[in-house]
Amino acid sequence: MMMKNIINDLTPPFFKKAYKRFFKKTTYSPEWVMLDKGTYMYMDVNTELYKAFNAGLDLFIYNNLEEELTTENLIVYDLGAHFGYHTLKFAKENKVKKVYAFEPNPDNRERLIMNINRNSYLKEKVSIVEKAISSKKGTSVFLAFNDIEQGVSSASMLQQEKLIAKRKDTLARKIVVSIDTLDNLVSEGLLLPPDIIKIDIEGAEYDALDGSRELLRKNKPVLMIEVHTILNMYQLAGLFNEINYQYKLINTEKDGRIFIKAYAK
């Protein structure tokens, strides 16, 4: 015990924090909790993620879609569905006919399926798409985080040089996932054309829309996009100019991420 105390006293505080964060396994106790007036989610109520969702995280998305959500038979794409908070929130909207939940991370997808099944009255309105959406069809290395309870798994991403989160590669397991374009999936009849697309895919937002140009020109869906890098915003601005879209800033985060709403002029 004395030796343990000596080692503890000699260990720098920053190393203790790093060890606890990256190496010491945290025990979680998820349970079924009610969020958003009747939607049940499997979460640990002691986590910051639960507190954020319970306090109404990302409500600005829906506040900025009030007019659009009055249209009948809406088709919604949720790119980066995570464990289904937004998927189920959209599905609860009376005017929404179908929600496609795109989630290539198998850990997230397992929890997503659990949450959809628990909310059985919404199950028929939701379809899960396992592919990652990009600018081409094929396969790609995907960095998958598995800490769902604290929300770390929501940072899972396609491995790309331009991503600011590339420094986190060593903390994720690398898997290979199928990628495809929205243009392909819609033209092949695998998806109904969207009216609203919510995008939160950790830096791959431009690539996803670059592979959706035909769909954007033809169907003119409203886009709700979390933009993760300056390069992505620069590329998106050019794309919007080409397809005659306009956009506005609807939310900012302290780390530099922004959320924009884009729509046809």
C-alpha atoms as a PDB file:
ATOM      1  CA  MET A   1       0.000   0.000   0.000  1.00  0.00           C
ATOM      2  CA  MET A   2       2.876   2.355   0.842  1.00  0.00           C
ATOM      3  CA  MET A   3       4.496   1.788  -2.558  1.00  0.00           C
ATOM      4  CA  LYS A   4       1.151   2.436  -4.259  1.00  0.00           C
ATOM      5  CA  ASN A   5       0.819   5.738  -2.396  1.00  0.00           C
ATOM      6  CA  ILE A   6       4.357   6.765  -3.335  1.00  0.00           C
ATOM      7  CA  ILE A   7       3.700   6.023  -7.019  1.00  0.00           C
ATOM      8  CA  ASN A   8       0.458   7.954  -6.829  1.00  0.00           C
ATOM      9  CA  ASP A   9       2.184  10.973  -5.263  1.00  0.00           C
ATOM     10  CA  LEU A  10       4.944  10.961  -7.886  1.00  0.00           C
ATOM     11  CA  THR A  11       2.654  10.631 -10.889  1.00  0.00           C
ATOM     12  CA  PRO A  12       1.986  13.992 -12.614  1.00  0.00           C
ATOM     13  CA  PRO A  13      -1.701  15.050 -12.572  1.00  0.00           C
ATOM     14  CA  PHE A  14      -1.878  15.361 -16.359  1.00  0.00           C
ATOM     15  CA  PHE A  15      -0.755  11.725 -16.746  1.00  0.00           C
ATOM     16  CA  LYS A  16      -3.422  10.551 -14.307  1.00  0.00           C
ATOM     17  CA  LYS A  17      -6.077  12.360 -16.323  1.00  0.00           C
ATOM     18  CA  ALA A  18      -4.784  10.961 -19.610  1.00  0.00           C
ATOM     19  CA  TYR A  19      -4.710   7.438 -18.226  1.00  0.00           C
ATOM     20  CA  LYS A  20      -8.225   7.733 -16.865  1.00  0.00           C
ATOM     21  CA  ARG A  21      -9.521   9.155 -20.135  1.00  0.00           C
ATOM     22  CA  PHE A  22      -7.912   6.774 -22.588  1.00  0.00           C
ATOM     23  CA  PHE A  23      -7.076   3.547 -20.757  1.00  0.00           C
ATOM     24  CA  LYS A  24      -9.292   3.082 -17.723  1.00  0.00           C
ATOM     25  CA  LYS A  25     -12.543   1.424 -18.674  1.00  0.00           C
ATOM     26  CA  THR A  26     -15.618   3.356 -17.589  1.00  0.00           C
ATOM     27  CA  THR A  27     -18.626   1.409 -16.429  1.00  0.00           C
ATOM     28  CA  TYR A  28     -21.983   2.644 -17.697  1.00  0.00           C
ATOM     29  CA  SER A  29     -25.500   1.748 -16.626  1.00  0.00           C
ATOM     30  CA  PRO A  30     -27.845   2.517 -19.530  1.00  0.00           C
ATOM     31  CA  GLU A  31     -31.573   2.153 -19.018  1.00  0.00           C
ATOM     32  CA  TRP A  32     -34.752   3.015 -20.864  1.00  0.00           C
ATOM     33  CA  VAL A  33     -35.573   6.683 -20.343  1.00  0.00           C
ATOM     34  CA  MET A  34     -38.211   8.903 -21.883  1.00  0.00           C
ATOM     35  CA  LEU A  35     -37.051  11.822 -24.002  1.00  0.00           C
ATOM     36  CA  ASP A  36     -39.031  14.232 -26.117  1.00  0.00           C
ATOM     37  CA  LYS A  37     -42.505  13.480 -24.732  1.00  0.00           C
ATOM     38  CA  GLY A  38     -42.960   9.802 -25.432  1.00  0.00           C
ATOM     39  CA  THR A  39     -39.775   8.699 -27.168  1.00  0.00           C
ATOM     40  CA  TYR A  40     -37.777   6.098 -25.256  1.00  0.00           C
ATOM     41  CA  MET A  41     -34.003   5.910 -25.572  1.00  0.00           C
ATOM     42  CA  TYR A  42     -31.512   3.498 -24.011  1.00  0.00           C
ATOM     43  CA  MET A  43     -29.107   5.839 -22.192  1.00  0.00           C
ATOM     44  CA  ASP A  44     -27.111   6.280 -19.002  1.00  0.00           C
ATOM     45  CA  VAL A  45     -28.782   9.131 -17.104  1.00  0.00           C
ATOM     46  CA  ASN A  46     -25.497  10.002 -15.364  1.00  0.00           C
ATOM     47  CA  THR A  47     -23.729  11.032 -18.571  1.00  0.00           C
ATOM     48  CA  GLU A  48     -23.348  14.504 -20.019  1.00  0.00           C
ATOM     49  CA  LEU A  49     -24.842  13.214 -23.259  1.00  0.00           C
ATOM     50  CA  TYR A  50     -28.116  12.328 -21.563  1.00  0.00           C
ATOM     51  CA  LYS A  51     -28.222  15.690 -19.808  1.00  0.00           C
ATOM     52  CA  ALA A  52     -27.695  17.475 -23.118  1.00  0.00           C
ATOM     53  CA  PHE A  53     -30.441  15.566 -24.920  1.00  0.00           C
ATOM     54  CA  ASN A  54     -32.798  15.896 -21.964  1.00  0.00           C
ATOM     55  CA  ALA A  55     -32.239  19.659 -22.055  1.00  0.00           C
ATOM     56  CA  GLY A  56     -33.232  19.812 -25.722  1.00  0.00           C
ATOM     57  CA  LEU A  57     -29.983  19.458 -27.649  1.00  0.00           C
ATOM     58  CA  ASP A  58     -30.188  20.595 -31.292  1.00  0.00           C
ATOM     59  CA  LEU A  59     -33.725  21.957 -31.025  1.00  0.00           C
ATOM     60  CA  PHE A  60     -32.599  24.759 -33.338  1.00  0.00           C
ATOM     61  CA  ILE A  61     -32.845  22.233 -36.188  1.00  0.00           C
ATOM     62  CA  TYR A  62     -36.580  21.843 -35.726  1.00  0.00           C
ATOM     63  CA  ASN A  63     -37.145  25.510 -34.916  1.00  0.00           C
ATOM     64  CA  ASN A  64     -35.674  26.278 -38.336  1.00  0.00           C
ATOM     65  CA  LEU A  65     -37.883  23.711 -40.079  1.00  0.00           C
ATOM     66  CA  GLU A  66     -41.263  24.815 -38.743  1.00  0.00           C
ATOM     67  CA  GLU A  67     -42.587  25.791 -42.179  1.00  0.00           C
ATOM     68  CA  GLU A  68     -41.191  22.732 -43.972  1.00  0.00           C
ATOM     69  CA  LEU A  69     -42.640  20.339 -41.383  1.00  0.00           C
ATOM     70  CA  THR A  70     -46.177  21.405 -42.300  1.00  0.00           C
ATOM     71  CA  THR A  71     -45.916  19.733 -45.735  1.00  0.00           C
ATOM     72  CA  GLU A  72     -47.660  16.378 -46.184  1.00  0.00           C
ATOM     73  CA  ASN A  73     -45.823  13.068 -46.748  1.00  0.00           C
ATOM     74  CA  LEU A  74     -42.319  14.307 -46.057  1.00  0.00           C
ATOM     75  CA  ILE A  75     -39.309  12.107 -46.756  1.00  0.00           C
ATOM     76  CA  VAL A  76     -36.365  12.772 -44.423  1.00  0.00           C
ATOM     77  CA  TYR A  77     -32.763  11.550 -44.667  1.00  0.00           C
ATOM     78  CA  ASP A  78     -30.782  11.441 -41.402  1.00  0.00           C
ATOM     79  CA  LEU A  79     -27.118  11.196 -42.428  1.00  0.00           C
ATOM     80  CA  GLY A  80     -25.169  10.322 -39.294  1.00  0.00           C
ATOM     81  CA  ALA A  81     -28.091   8.871 -37.363  1.00  0.00           C
ATOM     82  CA  HIS A  82     -25.981   7.790 -34.352  1.00  0.00           C
ATOM     83  CA  PHE A  83     -28.372   6.000 -31.970  1.00  0.00           C
ATOM     84  CA  GLY A  84     -31.495   7.557 -33.416  1.00  0.00           C
ATOM     85  CA  TYR A  85     -32.362  10.684 -31.458  1.00  0.00           C
ATOM     86  CA  HIS A  86     -33.007  12.773 -34.569  1.00  0.00           C
ATOM     87  CA  THR A  87     -34.317   9.816 -36.551  1.00  0.00           C
ATOM     88  CA  LEU A  88     -37.084   9.255 -34.022  1.00  0.00           C
ATOM     89  CA  LYS A  89     -37.702  12.953 -33.492  1.00  0.00           C
ATOM     90  CA  PHE A  90     -38.323  13.389 -37.215  1.00  0.00           C
ATOM     91  CA  ALA A  91     -40.431  10.216 -37.312  1.00  0.00           C
ATOM     92  CA  LYS A  92     -42.671  11.664 -34.604  1.00  0.00           C
ATOM     93  CA  GLU A  93     -43.612  14.595 -36.813  1.00  0.00           C
ATOM     94  CA  ASN A  94     -47.159  14.063 -38.095  1.00  0.00           C
ATOM     95  CA  LYS A  95     -46.355  15.137 -41.659  1.00  0.00           C
ATOM     96  CA  VAL A  96     -43.309  12.874 -42.014  1.00  0.00           C
ATOM     97  CA  LYS A  97     -43.991   9.746 -44.050  1.00  0.00           C
ATOM     98  CA  LYS A  98     -40.541   8.135 -44.009  1.00  0.00           C
ATOM     99  CA  VAL A  99     -37.148   8.594 -42.348  1.00  0.00           C
ATOM    100  CA  TYR A 100     -34.018   6.953 -43.748  1.00  0.00           C
ATOM    101  CA  ALA A 101     -31.398   6.587 -40.992  1.00  0.00           C
ATOM    102  CA  PHE A 102     -27.856   6.355 -42.420  1.00  0.00           C
ATOM    103  CA  GLU A 103     -25.406   4.812 -39.925  1.00  0.00           C
ATOM    104  CA  PRO A 104     -22.282   2.843 -40.962  1.00  0.00           C
ATOM    105  CA  ASN A 105     -20.898   2.392 -37.422  1.00  0.00           C
ATOM    106  CA  PRO A 106     -22.049  -1.097 -36.300  1.00  0.00           C
ATOM    107  CA  ASP A 107     -22.018  -0.140 -32.601  1.00  0.00           C
ATOM    108  CA  ASN A 108     -24.208   2.890 -33.211  1.00  0.00           C
ATOM    109  CA  ARG A 109     -26.434   0.863 -35.497  1.00  0.00           C
ATOM    110  CA  GLU A 110     -27.023  -1.798 -32.847  1.00  0.00           C
ATOM    111  CA  ARG A 111     -28.239   0.878 -30.412  1.00  0.00           C
ATOM    112  CA  LEU A 112     -30.211   2.562 -33.192  1.00  0.00           C
ATOM    113  CA  ILE A 113     -32.093  -0.680 -33.862  1.00  0.00           C
ATOM    114  CA  MET A 114     -32.794  -1.093 -30.136  1.00  0.00           C
ATOM    115  CA  ASN A 115     -34.235   2.401 -29.894  1.00  0.00           C
ATOM    116  CA  ILE A 116     -36.365   2.018 -33.009  1.00  0.00           C
ATOM    117  CA  ASN A 117     -37.761  -1.311 -31.819  1.00  0.00           C
ATOM    118  CA  ARG A 118     -38.568   0.136 -28.387  1.00  0.00           C
ATOM    119  CA  ASN A 119     -40.586   2.911 -30.031  1.00  0.00           C
ATOM    120  CA  SER A 120     -42.661   0.444 -32.018  1.00  0.00           C
ATOM    121  CA  TYR A 121     -45.299   3.007 -32.992  1.00  0.00           C
ATOM    122  CA  LEU A 122     -42.637   4.732 -35.120  1.00  0.00           C
ATOM    123  CA  LYS A 123     -40.923   1.611 -36.455  1.00  0.00           C
ATOM    124  CA  GLU A 124     -42.811   1.447 -39.753  1.00  0.00           C
ATOM    125  CA  LYS A 125     -41.718   4.991 -40.606  1.00  0.00           C
ATOM    126  CA  VAL A 126     -37.979   4.269 -40.301  1.00  0.00           C
ATOM    127  CA  SER A 127     -35.553   2.417 -42.588  1.00  0.00           C
ATOM    128  CA  ILE A 128     -31.878   1.953 -41.737  1.00  0.00           C
ATOM    129  CA  VAL A 129     -29.185   2.372 -44.405  1.00  0.00           C
ATOM    130  CA  GLU A 130     -25.842   0.828 -43.429  1.00  0.00           C
ATOM    131  CA  LYS A 131     -23.801   2.564 -46.128  1.00  0.00           C
ATOM    132  CA  ALA A 132     -21.740   5.700 -45.623  1.00  0.00           C
ATOM    133  CA  ILE A 133     -22.670   8.443 -48.089  1.00  0.00           C
ATOM    134  CA  SER A 134     -19.869   9.929 -50.158  1.00  0.00           C
ATOM    135  CA  SER A 135     -19.025  11.193 -53.651  1.00  0.00           C
ATOM    136  CA  LYS A 136     -18.530   7.756 -55.199  1.00  0.00           C
ATOM    137  CA  LYS A 137     -19.526   4.103 -54.922  1.00  0.00           C
ATOM    138  CA  GLY A 138     -17.188   1.524 -53.392  1.00  0.00           C
ATOM    139  CA  THR A 139     -15.610   0.885 -50.004  1.00  0.00           C
ATOM    140  CA  SER A 140     -13.654   3.028 -47.574  1.00  0.00           C
ATOM    141  CA  VAL A 141     -11.774   2.791 -44.308  1.00  0.00           C
ATOM    142  CA  PHE A 142     -14.008   4.017 -41.496  1.00  0.00           C
ATOM    143  CA  LEU A 143     -12.810   5.098 -38.052  1.00  0.00           C
ATOM    144  CA  ALA A 144     -15.276   3.629 -35.571  1.00  0.00           C
ATOM    145  CA  PHE A 145     -15.517   4.719 -31.950  1.00  0.00           C
ATOM    146  CA  ASN A 146     -17.587   2.527 -29.641  1.00  0.00           C
ATOM    147  CA  ASP A 147     -18.269   4.731 -26.592  1.00  0.00           C
ATOM    148  CA  ILE A 148     -21.957   5.356 -27.188  1.00  0.00           C
ATOM    149  CA  GLU A 149     -22.899   6.523 -23.697  1.00  0.00           C
ATOM    150  CA  GLN A 150     -20.731   9.654 -23.731  1.00  0.00           C
ATOM    151  CA  GLY A 151     -21.413  10.361 -27.393  1.00  0.00           C
ATOM    152  CA  VAL A 152     -17.855   9.607 -28.555  1.00  0.00           C
ATOM    153  CA  SER A 153     -19.198   7.122 -31.097  1.00  0.00           C
ATOM    154  CA  SER A 154     -20.952  10.006 -32.851  1.00  0.00           C
ATOM    155  CA  ALA A 155     -17.469  11.156 -33.940  1.00  0.00           C
ATOM    156  CA  SER A 156     -16.962   8.034 -36.077  1.00  0.00           C
ATOM    157  CA  MET A 157     -15.970   9.002 -39.600  1.00  0.00           C
ATOM    158  CA  LEU A 158     -14.665   8.085 -43.017  1.00  0.00           C
ATOM    159  CA  GLN A 159     -10.879   8.289 -43.014  1.00  0.00           C
ATOM    160  CA  GLN A 160      -9.961  11.336 -45.082  1.00  0.00           C
ATOM    161  CA  GLU A 161      -6.912  13.576 -45.111  1.00  0.00           C
ATOM    162  CA  LYS A 162      -8.908  16.788 -44.752  1.00  0.00           C
ATOM    163  CA  LEU A 163     -10.676  15.831 -41.547  1.00  0.00           C
ATOM    164  CA  ILE A 164      -9.632  17.814 -38.482  1.00  0.00           C
ATOM    165  CA  ALA A 165     -10.384  14.719 -36.387  1.00  0.00           C
ATOM    166  CA  LYS A 166      -7.725  12.624 -38.161  1.00  0.00           C
ATOM    167  CA  ARG A 167      -5.516  13.050 -35.095  1.00  0.00           C
ATOM    168  CA  LYS A 168      -7.914  10.692 -33.303  1.00  0.00           C
ATOM    169  CA  ASP A 169      -7.097   7.754 -35.603  1.00  0.00           C
ATOM    170  CA  THR A 170      -5.166   5.898 -32.911  1.00  0.00           C
ATOM    171  CA  LEU A 171      -8.190   5.911 -30.585  1.00  0.00           C
ATOM    172  CA  ALA A 172     -10.538   4.276 -33.080  1.00  0.00           C
ATOM    173  CA  ARG A 173     -10.712   0.870 -34.668  1.00  0.00           C
ATOM    174  CA  LYS A 174     -10.513   0.831 -38.438  1.00  0.00           C
ATOM    175  CA  ILE A 175     -13.185  -1.040 -40.350  1.00  0.00           C
ATOM    176  CA  VAL A 176     -14.124  -1.168 -44.018  1.00  0.00           C
ATOM    177  CA  VAL A 177     -17.599   0.054 -44.941  1.00  0.00           C
ATOM    178  CA  SER A 178     -19.586   0.336 -48.147  1.00  0.00           C
ATOM    179  CA  ILE A 179     -19.942   3.839 -49.533  1.00  0.00           C
ATOM    180  CA  ASP A 180     -22.321   5.145 -52.163  1.00  0.00           C
ATOM    181  CA  THR A 181     -23.865   8.340 -53.464  1.00  0.00           C
ATOM    182  CA  LEU A 182     -27.376   9.555 -52.843  1.00  0.00           C
ATOM    183  CA  ASP A 183     -27.744  10.042 -56.599  1.00  0.00           C
ATOM    184  CA  ASN A 184     -27.074   6.328 -57.127  1.00  0.00           C
ATOM    185  CA  LEU A 185     -29.370   5.133 -54.358  1.00  0.00           C
ATOM    186  CA  VAL A 186     -32.281   7.285 -55.523  1.00  0.00           C
ATOM    187  CA  SER A 187     -31.825   6.581 -59.245  1.00  0.00           C
ATOM    188  CA  GLU A 188     -31.714   2.837 -58.520  1.00  0.00           C
ATOM    189  CA  GLY A 189     -35.026   3.106 -56.676  1.00  0.00           C
ATOM    190  CA  LEU A 190     -33.557   2.086 -53.324  1.00  0.00           C
ATOM    191  CA  LEU A 191     -34.636   5.322 -51.637  1.00  0.00           C
ATOM    192  CA  LEU A 192     -37.544   7.705 -52.052  1.00  0.00           C
ATOM    193  CA  PRO A 193     -36.334  11.205 -53.011  1.00  0.00           C
ATOM    194  CA  PRO A 194     -35.878  13.436 -49.931  1.00  0.00           C
ATOM    195  CA  ASP A 195     -37.583  16.642 -48.886  1.00  0.00           C
ATOM    196  CA  ILE A 196     -35.252  17.244 -45.928  1.00  0.00           C
ATOM    197  CA  ILE A 197     -31.685  16.028 -45.395  1.00  0.00           C
ATOM    198  CA  LYS A 198     -30.016  16.374 -41.993  1.00  0.00           C
ATOM    199  CA  ILE A 199     -26.235  15.892 -42.246  1.00  0.00           C
ATOM    200  CA  ASP A 200     -23.810  15.382 -39.359  1.00  0.00           C
ATOM    201  CA  ILE A 201     -21.050  13.141 -40.703  1.00  0.00           C
ATOM    202  CA  GLU A 202     -17.830  14.461 -39.200  1.00  0.00           C
ATOM    203  CA  GLY A 203     -16.210  16.278 -42.087  1.00  0.00           C
ATOM    204  CA  ALA A 204     -17.598  14.291 -45.021  1.00  0.00           C
ATOM    205  CA  GLU A 205     -20.468  16.705 -45.638  1.00  0.00           C
ATOM    206  CA  TYR A 206     -19.131  18.137 -48.902  1.00  0.00           C
ATOM    207  CA  ASP A 207     -18.365  14.700 -50.348  1.00  0.00           C
ATOM    208  CA  ALA A 208     -21.883  13.524 -49.507  1.00  0.00           C
ATOM    209  CA  LEU A 209     -23.459  16.458 -51.324  1.00  0.00           C
ATOM    210  CA  ASP A 210     -20.968  16.297 -54.180  1.00  0.00           C
ATOM    211  CA  GLY A 211     -22.449  12.872 -54.892  1.00  0.00           C
ATOM    212  CA  SER A 212     -25.981  14.271 -54.688  1.00  0.00           C
ATOM    213  CA  ARG A 213     -25.888  16.991 -57.344  1.00  0.00           C
ATOM    214  CA  GLU A 214     -28.563  15.469 -59.581  1.00  0.00           C
ATOM    215  CA  LEU A 215     -30.875  14.911 -56.632  1.00  0.00           C
ATOM    216  CA  LEU A 216     -30.330  18.451 -55.353  1.00  0.00           C
ATOM    217  CA  ARG A 217     -31.070  20.009 -58.735  1.00  0.00           C
ATOM    218  CA  LYS A 218     -34.139  17.864 -59.364  1.00  0.00           C
ATOM    219  CA  ASN A 219     -35.756  17.484 -55.942  1.00  0.00           C
ATOM    220  CA  LYS A 220     -34.427  20.594 -54.175  1.00  0.00           C
ATOM    221  CA  PRO A 221     -34.464  19.213 -50.616  1.00  0.00           C
ATOM    222  CA  VAL A 222     -33.845  21.470 -47.638  1.00  0.00           C
ATOM    223  CA  LEU A 223     -30.436  20.742 -46.091  1.00  0.00           C
ATOM    224  CA  MET A 224     -29.574  20.991 -42.393  1.00  0.00           C
ATOM    225  CA  ILE A 225     -25.797  20.573 -42.209  1.00  0.00           C
ATOM    226  CA  GLU A 226     -23.242  20.548 -39.420  1.00  0.00           C
ATOM    227  CA  VAL A 227     -20.063  21.856 -41.065  1.00  0.00           C
ATOM    228  CA  HIS A 228     -16.849  20.640 -39.433  1.00  0.00           C
ATOM    229  CA  THR A 229     -14.041  22.378 -41.332  1.00  0.00           C
ATOM    230  CA  ILE A 230     -13.312  25.642 -43.100  1.00  0.00           C
ATOM    231  CA  LEU A 231     -12.456  23.686 -46.248  1.00  0.00           C
ATOM    232  CA  ASN A 232     -15.853  21.993 -46.195  1.00  0.00           C
ATOM    233  CA  MET A 233     -17.627  25.345 -45.885  1.00  0.00           C
ATOM    234  CA  TYR A 234     -15.593  26.767 -48.760  1.00  0.00           C
ATOM    235  CA  GLN A 235     -16.432  23.774 -50.953  1.00  0.00           C
ATOM    236  CA  LEU A 236     -20.094  23.815 -49.940  1.00  0.00           C
ATOM    237  CA  ALA A 237     -20.381  27.509 -50.795  1.00  0.00           C
ATOM    238  CA  GLY A 238     -19.090  26.768 -54.289  1.00  0.00           C
ATOM    239  CA  LEU A 239     -21.475  23.851 -54.699  1.00  0.00           C
ATOM    240  CA  PHE A 240     -24.462  25.902 -53.555  1.00  0.00           C
ATOM    241  CA  ASN A 241     -23.584  28.592 -56.075  1.00  0.00           C
ATOM    242  CA  GLU A 242     -23.490  25.993 -58.871  1.00  0.00           C
ATOM    243  CA  ILE A 243     -26.881  24.462 -58.023  1.00  0.00           C
ATOM    244  CA  ASN A 244     -28.590  27.769 -57.196  1.00  0.00           C
ATOM    245  CA  TYR A 245     -28.961  27.183 -53.452  1.00  0.00           C
ATOM    246  CA  GLN A 246     -28.784  29.776 -50.715  1.00  0.00           C
ATOM    247  CA  TYR A 247     -27.806  29.172 -47.105  1.00  0.00           C
ATOM    248  CA  LYS A 248     -27.860  30.761 -43.677  1.00  0.00           C
ATOM    249  CA  LEU A 249     -26.078  30.214 -40.382  1.00  0.00           C
ATOM    250  CA  ILE A 250     -28.355  28.806 -37.674  1.00  0.00           C
ATOM    251  CA  ASN A 251     -25.950  27.701 -34.920  1.00  0.00           C
ATOM    252  CA  THR A 252     -22.310  27.926 -33.846  1.00  0.00           C
ATOM    253  CA  GLU A 253     -20.200  25.852 -31.452  1.00  0.00           C
ATOM    254  CA  LYS A 254     -17.198  26.928 -29.370  1.00  0.00           C
ATOM    255  CA  ASP A 255     -14.894  24.523 -31.207  1.00  0.00           C
ATOM    256  CA  GLY A 256     -15.588  26.181 -34.574  1.00  0.00           C
ATOM    257  CA  ARG A 257     -18.274  23.872 -35.927  1.00  0.00           C
ATOM    258  CA  ILE A 258     -21.286  25.580 -37.443  1.00  0.00           C
ATOM    259  CA  PHE A 259     -24.762  24.476 -38.488  1.00  0.00           C
ATOM    260  CA  ILE A 260     -26.299  25.869 -41.651  1.00  0.00           C
ATOM    261  CA  LYS A 261     -29.626  25.594 -43.420  1.00  0.00           C
ATOM    262  CA  ALA A 262     -29.410  25.456 -47.219  1.00  0.00           C
ATOM    263  CA  TYR A 263     -32.320  25.569 -49.655  1.00  0.00           C
ATOM    264  CA  ALA A 264     -33.107  26.300 -53.289  1.00  0.00           C
ATOM    265  CA  LYS A 265     -33.476  29.945 -54.317  1.00  0.00           C
END
